Amino acid sequence: MNGHQRAHLRPRTAVGVGLAALGIAATGCSGSRSYSRFTSDACAATLPVAQAAVHGPGRLVAVRPFQRAELKRYFGITPRPAPGGSPPSANPAPTTQPRVCLIVFRGVFAAGSVAGAGQQAGRYALVLVRVRAPQVLRTRVTGSFPPAA
């Protein structure tokens, strides 16, 4: 192959690589599991703390801001009324930075393998992490995600 033929292949290769990258990017943003995309840099920053709680195993499936009103659904806890006496809103006003994030891993989690989850075993480890001064607030291991109420 001479230099003239190689020159014609380079633009085609560049176009092919560009189209492949575009296709991968479009696929990553679509689908029914849009909850698995990173929704906040603040939540992404809590990942090391969450990974330490599950001791490494499992595949990351969700990272997202978490609201007090979701405590019952995900952790079986009824939230206390907010300091004004009003119950937590199901759709609170969005804030610029979340206070707490939900991190979900999928894998095989044996009883006692996730810090703070007690003797629960299952396929999903849910980790609730405070954003400011990251700290694990609560963990749960369950057989499904979202967990059955």
Protein backbone atom coordinates (compact mmCIF):
# COMPACT_ATOMS: atom_id res chain seq x y z
CA MET A 1 0.00 0.00 0.00
CA ASN A 2 1.53 3.33 -1.00
CA GLY A 3 1.34 6.65 0.88
CA HIS A 4 -1.49 7.94 -1.33
CA GLN A 5 -3.74 4.97 -0.44
CA ARG A 6 -2.98 5.33 3.30
CA ALA A 7 -3.95 9.01 3.18
CA HIS A 8 -7.42 8.04 1.92
CA LEU A 9 -7.91 5.50 4.72
CA ARG A 10 -7.16 7.91 7.58
CA PRO A 11 -10.27 10.11 7.13
CA ARG A 12 -12.48 7.02 6.81
CA THR A 13 -11.00 5.54 9.98
CA ALA A 14 -11.50 8.81 11.84
CA VAL A 15 -15.12 8.99 10.72
CA GLY A 16 -15.70 5.36 11.75
CA VAL A 17 -14.20 5.92 15.19
CA GLY A 18 -16.27 9.10 15.62
CA LEU A 19 -19.51 7.32 14.68
CA ALA A 20 -18.72 4.43 17.03
CA ALA A 21 -18.10 6.85 19.91
CA LEU A 22 -21.33 8.68 19.16
CA GLY A 23 -23.26 5.40 19.14
CA ILE A 24 -21.79 4.34 22.48
CA ALA A 25 -22.61 7.72 24.03
CA ALA A 26 -26.19 7.61 22.79
CA THR A 27 -26.68 4.06 24.05
CA GLY A 28 -25.34 4.92 27.50
CA CYS A 29 -27.90 7.69 27.93
CA SER A 30 -30.94 5.73 26.86
CA GLY A 31 -32.88 2.81 28.22
CA SER A 32 -35.30 2.14 31.02
CA ARG A 33 -32.61 2.18 33.72
CA SER A 34 -31.85 5.89 33.53
CA TYR A 35 -31.61 5.93 37.34
CA SER A 36 -28.19 4.34 37.04
CA ARG A 37 -26.59 7.42 35.49
CA PHE A 38 -24.61 9.72 37.74
CA THR A 39 -26.92 12.59 38.58
CA SER A 40 -24.60 14.58 40.76
CA ASP A 41 -20.88 15.08 41.24
CA ALA A 42 -21.58 15.31 44.96
CA CYS A 43 -23.03 11.79 44.96
CA ALA A 44 -20.17 10.45 42.86
CA ALA A 45 -17.75 11.78 45.49
CA THR A 46 -19.38 9.48 48.10
CA LEU A 47 -18.56 6.29 46.18
CA PRO A 48 -15.37 5.37 48.09
CA VAL A 49 -17.27 5.44 51.39
CA ALA A 50 -20.07 3.27 49.96
CA GLN A 51 -17.61 0.82 48.42
CA ALA A 52 -15.85 0.43 51.77
CA ALA A 53 -19.20 -0.46 53.41
CA VAL A 54 -19.82 -3.33 50.98
CA HIS A 55 -16.18 -4.45 51.18
CA GLY A 56 -15.63 -4.40 47.43
CA PRO A 57 -17.88 -7.01 45.79
CA GLY A 58 -20.77 -6.10 43.57
CA ARG A 59 -21.37 -3.99 40.50
CA LEU A 60 -22.47 -0.39 40.83
CA VAL A 61 -26.04 0.02 39.50
CA ALA A 62 -27.29 3.33 40.92
CA VAL A 63 -25.95 6.57 42.35
CA ARG A 64 -28.47 9.32 43.04
CA PRO A 65 -29.65 11.94 45.51
CA PHE A 66 -31.94 10.59 48.25
CA GLN A 67 -34.89 12.30 49.94
CA ARG A 68 -36.16 11.73 53.51
CA ALA A 69 -39.58 10.75 52.15
CA GLU A 70 -37.97 7.66 50.56
CA LEU A 71 -36.83 6.17 53.89
CA LYS A 72 -39.87 3.92 54.23
CA ARG A 73 -39.64 2.54 50.70
CA TYR A 74 -35.93 1.75 50.72
CA PHE A 75 -35.14 1.13 54.39
CA GLY A 76 -38.50 0.38 56.04
CA ILE A 77 -38.26 3.42 58.32
CA THR A 78 -40.99 5.98 58.80
CA PRO A 79 -39.33 9.41 58.70
CA ARG A 80 -39.90 11.69 61.67
CA PRO A 81 -41.73 14.93 60.94
CA ALA A 82 -39.51 17.74 59.78
CA PRO A 83 -38.61 20.39 62.34
CA GLY A 84 -41.66 22.51 61.46
CA GLY A 85 -44.16 19.82 62.26
CA SER A 86 -45.04 19.15 58.62
CA PRO A 87 -44.57 15.65 57.18
CA PRO A 88 -41.84 15.17 54.57
CA SER A 89 -42.94 16.00 51.06
CA ALA A 90 -43.04 13.24 48.45
CA ASN A 91 -41.70 15.73 45.91
CA PRO A 92 -39.52 18.21 47.77
CA ALA A 93 -38.12 21.24 45.98
CA PRO A 94 -34.85 20.38 44.25
CA THR A 95 -31.69 21.67 45.85
CA THR A 96 -28.45 22.53 44.15
CA GLN A 97 -26.50 19.90 46.10
CA PRO A 98 -27.95 16.80 47.73
CA ARG A 99 -27.38 16.16 51.44
CA VAL A 100 -27.64 12.37 51.20
CA CYS A 101 -27.11 9.93 48.34
CA LEU A 102 -28.27 6.39 47.65
CA ILE A 103 -25.62 4.07 46.24
CA VAL A 104 -26.74 0.62 45.03
CA PHE A 105 -24.55 -2.38 44.23
CA ARG A 106 -25.65 -5.67 42.63
CA GLY A 107 -23.91 -8.91 43.47
CA VAL A 108 -24.02 -11.77 45.95
CA PHE A 109 -24.08 -10.39 49.48
CA ALA A 110 -23.91 -12.98 52.25
CA ALA A 111 -25.31 -12.38 55.73
CA GLY A 112 -22.96 -10.09 57.64
CA SER A 113 -20.90 -9.12 54.57
CA VAL A 114 -22.14 -5.50 54.36
CA ALA A 115 -21.20 -3.22 57.25
CA GLY A 116 -24.26 -2.23 59.28
CA ALA A 117 -26.73 -4.46 57.42
CA GLY A 118 -26.78 -7.14 60.10
CA GLN A 119 -27.52 -10.67 58.97
CA GLN A 120 -29.37 -9.69 55.79
CA ALA A 121 -28.39 -11.53 52.60
CA GLY A 122 -29.41 -10.80 49.01
CA ARG A 123 -28.50 -9.55 45.56
CA TYR A 124 -28.54 -5.80 46.22
CA ALA A 125 -26.68 -3.70 48.77
CA LEU A 126 -28.17 -0.24 49.38
CA VAL A 127 -25.90 2.30 51.03
CA LEU A 128 -27.12 5.69 52.23
CA VAL A 129 -24.22 8.16 52.46
CA ARG A 130 -24.08 11.72 53.79
CA VAL A 131 -22.49 14.04 51.22
CA ARG A 132 -20.82 16.59 53.51
CA ALA A 133 -18.04 14.83 55.43
CA PRO A 134 -19.04 11.53 53.74
CA GLN A 135 -20.25 8.92 56.17
CA VAL A 136 -22.45 5.84 55.83
CA LEU A 137 -25.81 6.58 57.45
CA ARG A 138 -27.57 3.28 56.80
CA THR A 139 -27.16 0.07 54.82
CA ARG A 140 -29.53 -2.66 53.69
CA VAL A 141 -29.19 -5.87 51.75
CA THR A 142 -32.26 -6.96 49.79
CA GLY A 143 -33.28 -9.43 47.11
CA SER A 144 -34.69 -6.82 44.73
CA PHE A 145 -34.21 -3.22 43.69
CA PRO A 146 -36.17 -1.19 44.33
CA PRO A 147 -36.94 -3.32 47.38
CA ALA A 148 -40.46 -4.59 47.97
CA ALA A 149 -42.23 -2.51 50.63
